[in-house]
N, C-alpha and C. Protein backbone atom coordinates (compact mmCIF):
# COMPACT_ATOMS: atom_id res chain seq x y z
N MET A 1 1.03 -1.23 -0.03
CA MET A 1 0.12 -0.01 -0.09
C MET A 1 0.86 1.26 -0.03
N LYS A 2 0.43 2.31 -0.98
CA LYS A 2 1.36 3.36 -1.02
C LYS A 2 0.86 4.63 -0.16
N GLN A 3 0.50 4.13 1.00
CA GLN A 3 -0.09 5.34 1.95
C GLN A 3 0.99 5.36 3.26
N PRO A 4 0.75 6.57 3.93
CA PRO A 4 1.56 6.54 5.07
C PRO A 4 1.21 5.79 6.04
N PHE A 5 2.45 5.34 6.82
CA PHE A 5 2.28 4.23 7.94
C PHE A 5 3.01 4.53 9.08
N TYR A 6 2.70 3.88 10.12
CA TYR A 6 3.46 4.17 11.33
C TYR A 6 4.70 3.36 11.25
N GLN A 7 5.78 3.91 12.09
CA GLN A 7 6.93 3.09 12.33
C GLN A 7 6.60 1.83 13.20
N PHE A 8 7.16 0.84 13.01
CA PHE A 8 6.83 -0.45 13.96
C PHE A 8 8.16 -1.04 14.18
N ILE A 9 8.11 -1.92 15.15
CA ILE A 9 9.18 -2.61 15.74
C ILE A 9 8.81 -4.23 15.80
N LEU A 10 9.72 -4.97 15.70
CA LEU A 10 9.70 -6.23 15.80
C LEU A 10 10.21 -6.55 17.51
N ILE A 11 9.01 -6.80 18.34
CA ILE A 11 9.20 -6.68 19.73
C ILE A 11 9.77 -8.12 20.35
N ASN A 12 9.44 -9.29 19.42
CA ASN A 12 9.54 -10.53 19.99
C ASN A 12 9.65 -11.44 18.76
N GLU A 13 11.08 -11.86 18.60
CA GLU A 13 11.43 -12.45 17.22
C GLU A 13 10.94 -13.91 17.21
N ASN A 14 10.89 -14.24 18.70
CA ASN A 14 10.63 -15.88 18.66
C ASN A 14 9.21 -16.07 18.44
N ILE A 15 8.43 -15.19 18.71
CA ILE A 15 6.81 -15.46 18.37
C ILE A 15 6.29 -14.50 17.26
N LEU A 16 7.22 -13.73 16.67
CA LEU A 16 6.95 -12.93 15.65
C LEU A 16 5.94 -11.87 15.75
N ARG A 17 6.14 -11.11 17.01
CA ARG A 17 5.24 -9.93 17.45
C ARG A 17 5.84 -8.59 17.25
N TYR A 18 5.17 -7.78 16.47
CA TYR A 18 5.47 -6.42 16.25
C TYR A 18 4.49 -5.61 16.91
N SER A 19 4.86 -4.25 17.10
CA SER A 19 4.15 -3.13 17.92
C SER A 19 4.51 -1.99 17.10
N PHE A 20 3.46 -0.97 17.26
CA PHE A 20 3.56 0.28 16.72
C PHE A 20 2.20 1.17 17.44
N GLU A 21 2.39 2.37 17.37
CA GLU A 21 1.37 3.32 18.04
C GLU A 21 0.52 3.97 17.01
N SER A 22 -0.66 3.73 17.18
CA SER A 22 -1.82 4.37 16.43
C SER A 22 -1.95 5.77 17.04
N GLN A 23 -1.91 6.85 16.35
CA GLN A 23 -1.69 8.10 16.71
C GLN A 23 -2.97 9.06 16.27
N GLY A 24 -4.12 8.52 16.44
CA GLY A 24 -5.35 9.19 16.06
C GLY A 24 -5.86 10.28 17.03
N THR A 25 -7.12 9.98 17.57
CA THR A 25 -7.64 10.90 18.51
C THR A 25 -7.05 10.72 19.94
N LYS A 26 -6.35 9.37 20.02
CA LYS A 26 -5.65 9.21 21.25
C LYS A 26 -4.46 8.24 20.78
N ILE A 27 -3.46 8.09 21.58
CA ILE A 27 -2.38 7.17 21.20
C ILE A 27 -2.61 5.78 21.93
N ILE A 28 -2.76 4.87 20.96
CA ILE A 28 -3.18 3.32 21.13
C ILE A 28 -1.82 2.63 20.66
N THR A 29 -1.23 1.63 21.61
CA THR A 29 -0.32 0.76 21.09
C THR A 29 -1.07 -0.43 20.45
N LYS A 30 -0.59 -0.77 19.24
CA LYS A 30 -1.16 -1.92 18.67
C LYS A 30 -0.17 -3.06 18.47
N VAL A 31 -0.49 -4.22 18.42
CA VAL A 31 0.35 -5.53 18.28
C VAL A 31 -0.22 -6.23 17.06
N VAL A 32 0.86 -6.72 16.29
CA VAL A 32 0.73 -7.63 15.12
C VAL A 32 1.30 -8.79 15.50
N GLU A 33 0.80 -10.00 15.45
CA GLU A 33 1.43 -11.20 15.70
C GLU A 33 1.06 -12.52 14.67
N PHE A 34 2.33 -13.04 14.35
CA PHE A 34 1.91 -14.02 13.39
C PHE A 34 2.18 -15.37 14.06
N GLN A 35 0.93 -15.94 13.97
CA GLN A 35 0.77 -17.24 14.81
C GLN A 35 0.80 -18.57 13.75
N PRO A 36 1.60 -19.57 14.08
CA PRO A 36 1.82 -20.71 13.17
C PRO A 36 0.58 -21.56 13.09
N ILE A 37 -0.05 -21.63 11.99
CA ILE A 37 -1.27 -22.62 11.76
C ILE A 37 -0.68 -24.07 11.45
N THR A 38 0.24 -24.01 10.44
CA THR A 38 0.99 -25.03 9.85
C THR A 38 2.33 -24.62 9.73
N GLU A 39 3.14 -25.38 9.13
CA GLU A 39 4.59 -25.03 9.10
C GLU A 39 4.76 -23.90 7.93
N LEU A 40 3.69 -23.91 7.12
CA LEU A 40 3.86 -22.97 5.97
C LEU A 40 2.80 -21.78 6.01
N VAL A 41 1.72 -21.85 6.99
CA VAL A 41 0.87 -20.82 6.95
C VAL A 41 0.77 -20.24 8.50
N TYR A 42 0.69 -18.95 8.65
CA TYR A 42 0.83 -18.17 9.66
C TYR A 42 -0.67 -17.46 9.87
N ASN A 43 -1.38 -17.30 10.93
CA ASN A 43 -2.34 -16.58 11.20
C ASN A 43 -1.86 -15.18 11.52
N LEU A 44 -2.54 -14.04 10.96
CA LEU A 44 -2.20 -12.81 11.37
C LEU A 44 -3.21 -12.33 12.40
N ALA A 45 -2.70 -12.10 13.56
CA ALA A 45 -3.68 -11.49 14.47
C ALA A 45 -3.07 -10.28 14.88
N PHE A 46 -4.12 -9.06 15.36
CA PHE A 46 -3.66 -7.89 15.73
C PHE A 46 -4.68 -7.38 16.66
N GLY A 47 -4.35 -6.57 17.42
CA GLY A 47 -5.30 -5.78 18.34
C GLY A 47 -4.67 -4.68 19.28
N ASP A 48 -5.43 -4.23 20.17
CA ASP A 48 -4.85 -2.99 21.00
C ASP A 48 -4.20 -3.58 22.27
N PHE A 49 -2.93 -3.12 22.63
CA PHE A 49 -2.42 -3.77 23.64
C PHE A 49 -2.82 -2.96 25.01
N ASP A 50 -3.14 -3.71 26.09
CA ASP A 50 -3.52 -3.13 27.23
C ASP A 50 -2.33 -3.02 28.38
N GLU A 51 -2.04 -1.96 28.67
CA GLU A 51 -0.94 -2.03 29.71
C GLU A 51 -1.10 -2.65 30.93
N ASN A 52 -2.34 -2.69 31.41
CA ASN A 52 -2.61 -3.25 32.75
C ASN A 52 -2.35 -4.93 32.65
N THR A 53 -3.03 -5.49 31.52
CA THR A 53 -2.75 -6.85 31.38
C THR A 53 -1.45 -7.49 30.97
N ARG A 54 -1.05 -6.45 29.93
CA ARG A 54 0.21 -6.87 29.29
C ARG A 54 -0.18 -7.76 28.11
N GLU A 55 -1.45 -7.55 27.80
CA GLU A 55 -1.78 -8.64 26.50
C GLU A 55 -2.65 -7.48 25.53
N TYR A 56 -2.72 -8.27 24.54
CA TYR A 56 -3.50 -7.53 23.11
C TYR A 56 -4.74 -8.17 23.11
N TYR A 57 -5.77 -7.27 22.63
CA TYR A 57 -6.97 -7.72 22.45
C TYR A 57 -7.67 -7.36 21.16
N ASP A 58 -8.23 -8.43 20.34
CA ASP A 58 -8.41 -8.10 18.96
C ASP A 58 -10.11 -7.97 19.03
N ASP A 59 -10.71 -7.72 20.19
CA ASP A 59 -12.21 -7.60 20.02
C ASP A 59 -12.71 -6.12 20.34
N VAL A 60 -11.67 -5.30 20.61
CA VAL A 60 -11.57 -3.98 20.85
C VAL A 60 -11.81 -3.21 19.50
N ARG A 61 -12.64 -2.14 19.49
CA ARG A 61 -12.97 -1.29 18.43
C ARG A 61 -12.53 0.10 18.94
N SER A 62 -11.35 0.53 18.28
CA SER A 62 -10.68 1.84 18.78
C SER A 62 -11.32 3.00 18.36
N ASN A 63 -11.84 3.00 17.15
CA ASN A 63 -12.29 4.16 16.47
C ASN A 63 -11.54 5.36 16.83
N ASN A 64 -10.09 5.34 16.34
CA ASN A 64 -9.08 6.28 16.51
C ASN A 64 -8.73 7.24 15.30
N ASN A 65 -9.63 7.01 14.30
CA ASN A 65 -9.74 7.84 13.24
C ASN A 65 -8.40 7.73 12.19
N ASP A 66 -7.83 6.58 12.37
CA ASP A 66 -6.60 6.41 11.47
C ASP A 66 -6.66 4.94 10.95
N ILE A 67 -7.71 4.68 10.55
CA ILE A 67 -7.77 2.96 10.07
C ILE A 67 -7.03 2.68 8.88
N ARG A 68 -6.81 3.89 7.88
CA ARG A 68 -6.11 3.67 6.82
C ARG A 68 -4.50 3.52 6.90
N LYS A 69 -4.10 4.43 7.98
CA LYS A 69 -2.89 4.49 8.22
C LYS A 69 -2.47 3.04 9.13
N VAL A 70 -3.46 2.64 9.89
CA VAL A 70 -3.16 1.30 10.73
C VAL A 70 -3.07 0.15 9.77
N PHE A 71 -3.87 0.16 8.72
CA PHE A 71 -3.87 -1.10 7.64
C PHE A 71 -2.65 -0.96 6.83
N ALA A 72 -2.41 0.32 6.52
CA ALA A 72 -1.04 0.40 5.83
C ALA A 72 -0.02 -0.05 6.62
N THR A 73 0.05 0.06 7.92
CA THR A 73 1.24 -0.33 8.69
C THR A 73 1.11 -1.91 8.84
N ILE A 74 -0.13 -2.25 8.99
CA ILE A 74 -0.07 -3.84 9.02
C ILE A 74 0.41 -4.55 7.86
N PHE A 75 0.23 -3.91 6.42
CA PHE A 75 0.79 -4.53 5.33
C PHE A 75 2.10 -4.36 5.18
N GLN A 76 2.68 -3.12 5.79
CA GLN A 76 4.14 -2.95 5.93
C GLN A 76 4.91 -4.11 6.73
N VAL A 77 4.08 -4.42 7.88
CA VAL A 77 4.42 -5.41 8.76
C VAL A 77 4.53 -6.79 7.93
N CYS A 78 3.58 -6.99 7.24
CA CYS A 78 3.63 -8.26 6.35
C CYS A 78 4.70 -8.26 5.34
N ASP A 79 5.18 -7.21 4.82
CA ASP A 79 6.23 -7.19 4.05
C ASP A 79 7.62 -7.38 4.75
N ASP A 80 7.78 -7.13 6.06
CA ASP A 80 8.91 -7.44 6.94
C ASP A 80 8.78 -8.88 7.21
N PHE A 81 7.45 -9.35 7.56
CA PHE A 81 7.55 -10.78 7.79
C PHE A 81 7.84 -11.65 6.65
N PHE A 82 7.49 -11.29 5.31
CA PHE A 82 7.98 -11.97 4.20
C PHE A 82 9.43 -11.84 3.91
N ILE A 83 10.16 -10.89 4.24
CA ILE A 83 11.62 -10.70 4.06
C ILE A 83 12.01 -11.80 4.96
N GLN A 84 11.63 -12.01 6.14
CA GLN A 84 12.12 -13.44 7.05
C GLN A 84 11.68 -14.67 6.53
N ASN A 85 10.53 -14.75 5.80
CA ASN A 85 9.76 -15.91 5.73
C ASN A 85 9.23 -16.04 4.29
N PRO A 86 10.07 -15.91 3.24
CA PRO A 86 9.47 -15.75 1.80
C PRO A 86 8.57 -16.74 1.39
N ASN A 87 8.86 -18.03 2.00
CA ASN A 87 8.25 -19.11 1.52
C ASN A 87 6.78 -19.34 2.33
N LYS A 88 6.55 -18.71 3.21
CA LYS A 88 5.37 -18.72 4.11
C LYS A 88 4.04 -18.06 3.47
N ALA A 89 2.84 -18.26 4.06
CA ALA A 89 1.71 -17.69 3.66
C ALA A 89 1.11 -17.19 4.99
N ILE A 90 0.35 -15.99 4.68
CA ILE A 90 -0.47 -15.44 5.70
C ILE A 90 -1.88 -15.52 5.59
N TYR A 91 -2.45 -16.23 6.78
CA TYR A 91 -4.00 -16.28 6.85
C TYR A 91 -4.64 -15.14 7.61
N LEU A 92 -5.59 -14.49 7.07
CA LEU A 92 -6.34 -13.37 7.74
C LEU A 92 -7.93 -13.57 7.62
N GLU A 93 -8.37 -13.68 8.83
CA GLU A 93 -9.68 -13.79 9.04
C GLU A 93 -10.38 -12.96 10.11
N GLY A 94 -11.31 -12.07 9.88
CA GLY A 94 -11.81 -11.26 10.86
C GLY A 94 -12.57 -12.16 11.90
N ASN A 95 -12.72 -11.65 13.17
CA ASN A 95 -13.25 -12.42 14.26
C ASN A 95 -14.78 -12.11 14.25
N THR A 96 -15.11 -11.15 13.41
CA THR A 96 -16.56 -10.76 13.52
C THR A 96 -17.07 -10.66 11.94
N PRO A 97 -18.28 -10.73 11.63
CA PRO A 97 -18.72 -10.56 10.21
C PRO A 97 -18.25 -9.04 9.63
N ILE A 98 -18.42 -8.01 10.52
CA ILE A 98 -18.15 -6.62 10.34
C ILE A 98 -16.59 -6.61 9.95
N LYS A 99 -15.58 -7.25 10.73
CA LYS A 99 -14.33 -6.93 10.47
C LYS A 99 -13.90 -7.91 9.02
N GLN A 100 -14.62 -9.00 8.91
CA GLN A 100 -14.31 -9.54 7.73
C GLN A 100 -14.76 -8.66 6.51
N LYS A 101 -15.75 -8.05 6.57
CA LYS A 101 -16.26 -7.08 5.24
C LYS A 101 -15.08 -6.17 5.40
N LEU A 102 -14.75 -5.62 6.42
CA LEU A 102 -13.74 -4.31 6.49
C LEU A 102 -12.66 -4.75 5.69
N TYR A 103 -12.02 -5.94 6.11
CA TYR A 103 -10.81 -6.64 5.44
C TYR A 103 -10.85 -6.80 3.96
N GLN A 104 -12.10 -7.33 3.57
CA GLN A 104 -12.34 -7.46 2.18
C GLN A 104 -12.29 -6.09 1.56
N ARG A 105 -12.97 -5.17 1.98
CA ARG A 105 -12.94 -3.68 1.43
C ARG A 105 -11.69 -3.09 1.31
N ILE A 106 -10.81 -3.29 2.45
CA ILE A 106 -9.54 -2.84 2.49
C ILE A 106 -8.69 -3.47 1.48
N ILE A 107 -8.71 -4.72 1.19
CA ILE A 107 -8.05 -5.50 0.15
C ILE A 107 -8.59 -5.08 -1.31
N LYS A 108 -9.76 -4.88 -1.51
CA LYS A 108 -10.43 -4.52 -2.64
C LYS A 108 -9.93 -3.01 -3.05
N ASN A 109 -10.03 -2.13 -2.08
CA ASN A 109 -9.69 -0.60 -2.32
C ASN A 109 -8.22 -0.55 -2.68
N ASN A 110 -7.33 -1.45 -2.33
CA ASN A 110 -5.87 -1.48 -2.49
C ASN A 110 -5.17 -2.43 -3.51
N ILE A 111 -6.10 -3.09 -4.03
CA ILE A 111 -5.78 -4.32 -4.85
C ILE A 111 -4.54 -4.04 -5.67
N LEU A 112 -4.77 -2.98 -6.46
CA LEU A 112 -3.74 -2.67 -7.38
C LEU A 112 -2.32 -2.61 -6.79
N ASP A 113 -2.09 -1.98 -5.64
CA ASP A 113 -0.88 -1.89 -5.06
C ASP A 113 -0.51 -3.03 -4.36
N LEU A 114 -1.32 -3.80 -3.67
CA LEU A 114 -1.11 -4.91 -3.08
C LEU A 114 -0.68 -6.15 -4.05
N GLU A 115 -1.22 -6.23 -5.11
CA GLU A 115 -0.94 -7.22 -6.27
C GLU A 115 0.59 -6.94 -6.84
N ASN A 116 1.21 -5.89 -6.50
CA ASN A 116 2.55 -5.79 -6.97
C ASN A 116 3.51 -6.65 -6.22
N ASN A 117 3.17 -6.88 -4.96
CA ASN A 117 4.17 -7.72 -3.98
C ASN A 117 3.29 -8.97 -3.52
N PHE A 118 2.17 -9.09 -3.63
CA PHE A 118 1.52 -10.24 -3.07
C PHE A 118 0.39 -10.85 -4.03
N THR A 119 0.16 -12.23 -3.78
CA THR A 119 -0.82 -12.94 -4.46
C THR A 119 -1.80 -13.12 -3.42
N ILE A 120 -3.20 -12.85 -3.57
CA ILE A 120 -4.14 -12.90 -2.59
C ILE A 120 -5.29 -13.90 -3.11
N PHE A 121 -5.58 -14.58 -2.11
CA PHE A 121 -6.61 -15.77 -2.25
C PHE A 121 -7.80 -15.42 -1.36
N GLY A 122 -8.91 -15.73 -1.80
CA GLY A 122 -10.19 -15.78 -0.90
C GLY A 122 -10.39 -17.25 -0.55
N VAL A 123 -11.03 -17.28 0.82
CA VAL A 123 -11.31 -18.65 1.28
C VAL A 123 -12.75 -18.57 1.47
N ILE A 124 -13.46 -19.66 0.93
CA ILE A 124 -14.83 -19.95 1.20
C ILE A 124 -15.19 -21.30 1.38
N ASN A 125 -15.72 -21.83 2.40
CA ASN A 125 -15.94 -23.21 2.80
C ASN A 125 -14.68 -24.02 2.91
N GLU A 126 -13.65 -23.38 3.41
CA GLU A 126 -12.39 -24.11 3.42
C GLU A 126 -11.58 -24.26 2.14
N LYS A 127 -12.14 -23.70 1.21
CA LYS A 127 -11.44 -23.79 -0.39
C LYS A 127 -10.91 -22.37 -0.59
N SER A 128 -9.71 -22.33 -1.16
CA SER A 128 -9.20 -21.17 -1.74
C SER A 128 -9.16 -20.95 -3.07
N GLU A 129 -9.31 -19.74 -3.55
CA GLU A 129 -9.37 -19.45 -4.93
C GLU A 129 -8.88 -18.02 -4.96
N TYR A 130 -8.31 -17.87 -6.21
CA TYR A 130 -7.79 -16.35 -6.65
C TYR A 130 -8.91 -15.47 -6.31
N ILE A 131 -8.49 -14.32 -5.56
CA ILE A 131 -9.62 -13.41 -5.15
C ILE A 131 -10.54 -12.81 -6.38
N ASP A 132 -11.87 -12.97 -6.02
CA ASP A 132 -12.71 -12.47 -7.22
C ASP A 132 -13.80 -11.63 -6.19
N PHE A 133 -13.85 -10.30 -6.42
CA PHE A 133 -14.50 -9.42 -5.61
C PHE A 133 -16.06 -9.31 -5.89
N THR A 134 -16.38 -10.27 -6.57
CA THR A 134 -17.97 -10.24 -6.69
C THR A 134 -18.40 -11.41 -5.44
N LYS A 135 -17.41 -11.92 -4.83
CA LYS A 135 -17.72 -12.84 -3.71
C LYS A 135 -17.36 -12.43 -2.25
N ASN A 136 -18.03 -12.69 -1.30
CA ASN A 136 -17.70 -12.46 -0.03
C ASN A 136 -16.95 -13.64 0.42
N TYR A 137 -15.72 -13.42 0.98
CA TYR A 137 -14.71 -14.37 1.49
C TYR A 137 -15.02 -14.53 2.99
N GLU A 138 -14.90 -15.82 3.59
CA GLU A 138 -14.77 -15.98 4.95
C GLU A 138 -13.26 -15.62 5.54
N ALA A 139 -12.12 -15.75 4.63
CA ALA A 139 -10.76 -15.58 5.22
C ALA A 139 -10.01 -15.23 3.73
N PHE A 140 -8.85 -14.66 4.06
CA PHE A 140 -7.73 -14.49 2.92
C PHE A 140 -6.59 -15.17 3.18
N ILE A 141 -5.94 -15.56 2.15
CA ILE A 141 -4.65 -16.12 2.24
C ILE A 141 -3.49 -15.18 1.31
N ILE A 142 -2.65 -14.72 1.96
CA ILE A 142 -1.79 -13.82 1.30
C ILE A 142 -0.23 -14.41 1.14
N LYS A 143 0.11 -14.36 0.08
CA LYS A 143 1.46 -14.93 -0.34
C LYS A 143 2.50 -13.87 -1.07
N LEU A 144 3.66 -13.96 -0.81
CA LEU A 144 4.70 -13.12 -1.40
C LEU A 144 4.57 -13.63 -2.90
N LYS A 145 4.61 -12.66 -3.93
CA LYS A 145 4.76 -12.71 -5.37
C LYS A 145 6.42 -13.50 -5.47
N ASN A 146 6.36 -14.35 -6.29
CA ASN A 146 7.84 -14.93 -6.78
C ASN A 146 8.45 -14.20 -7.73
């Protein structure tokens, strides 16, 4: 994505956890983590970090008025993930129907930029196919272009 993004850091190399600060109406620490599903596929999880519990939560709706910059940062984090893991794939699934529609809309609105670096598949009924925006997908699989 060719949009401004936040600076991020890899905060835990062993579990592939990144962090950045969302700076909208308030400052919110965000966490992006890649969790292995299989040897070749990693789930992309992200959410708001809670200083009190020292955990991050993906069920929080921040409404920080910087969603484009947050998602541009997440895709930059994906770029960094692929530098370290070029033969892996990223699985992205919203934990609510609203988030899933949001992910599909963001991918659709940025597909021309995203397709420069990534191949994106949609998942329906546990089957993946090259993305077709006339369909509503349950999840997405993102791979680095060869």
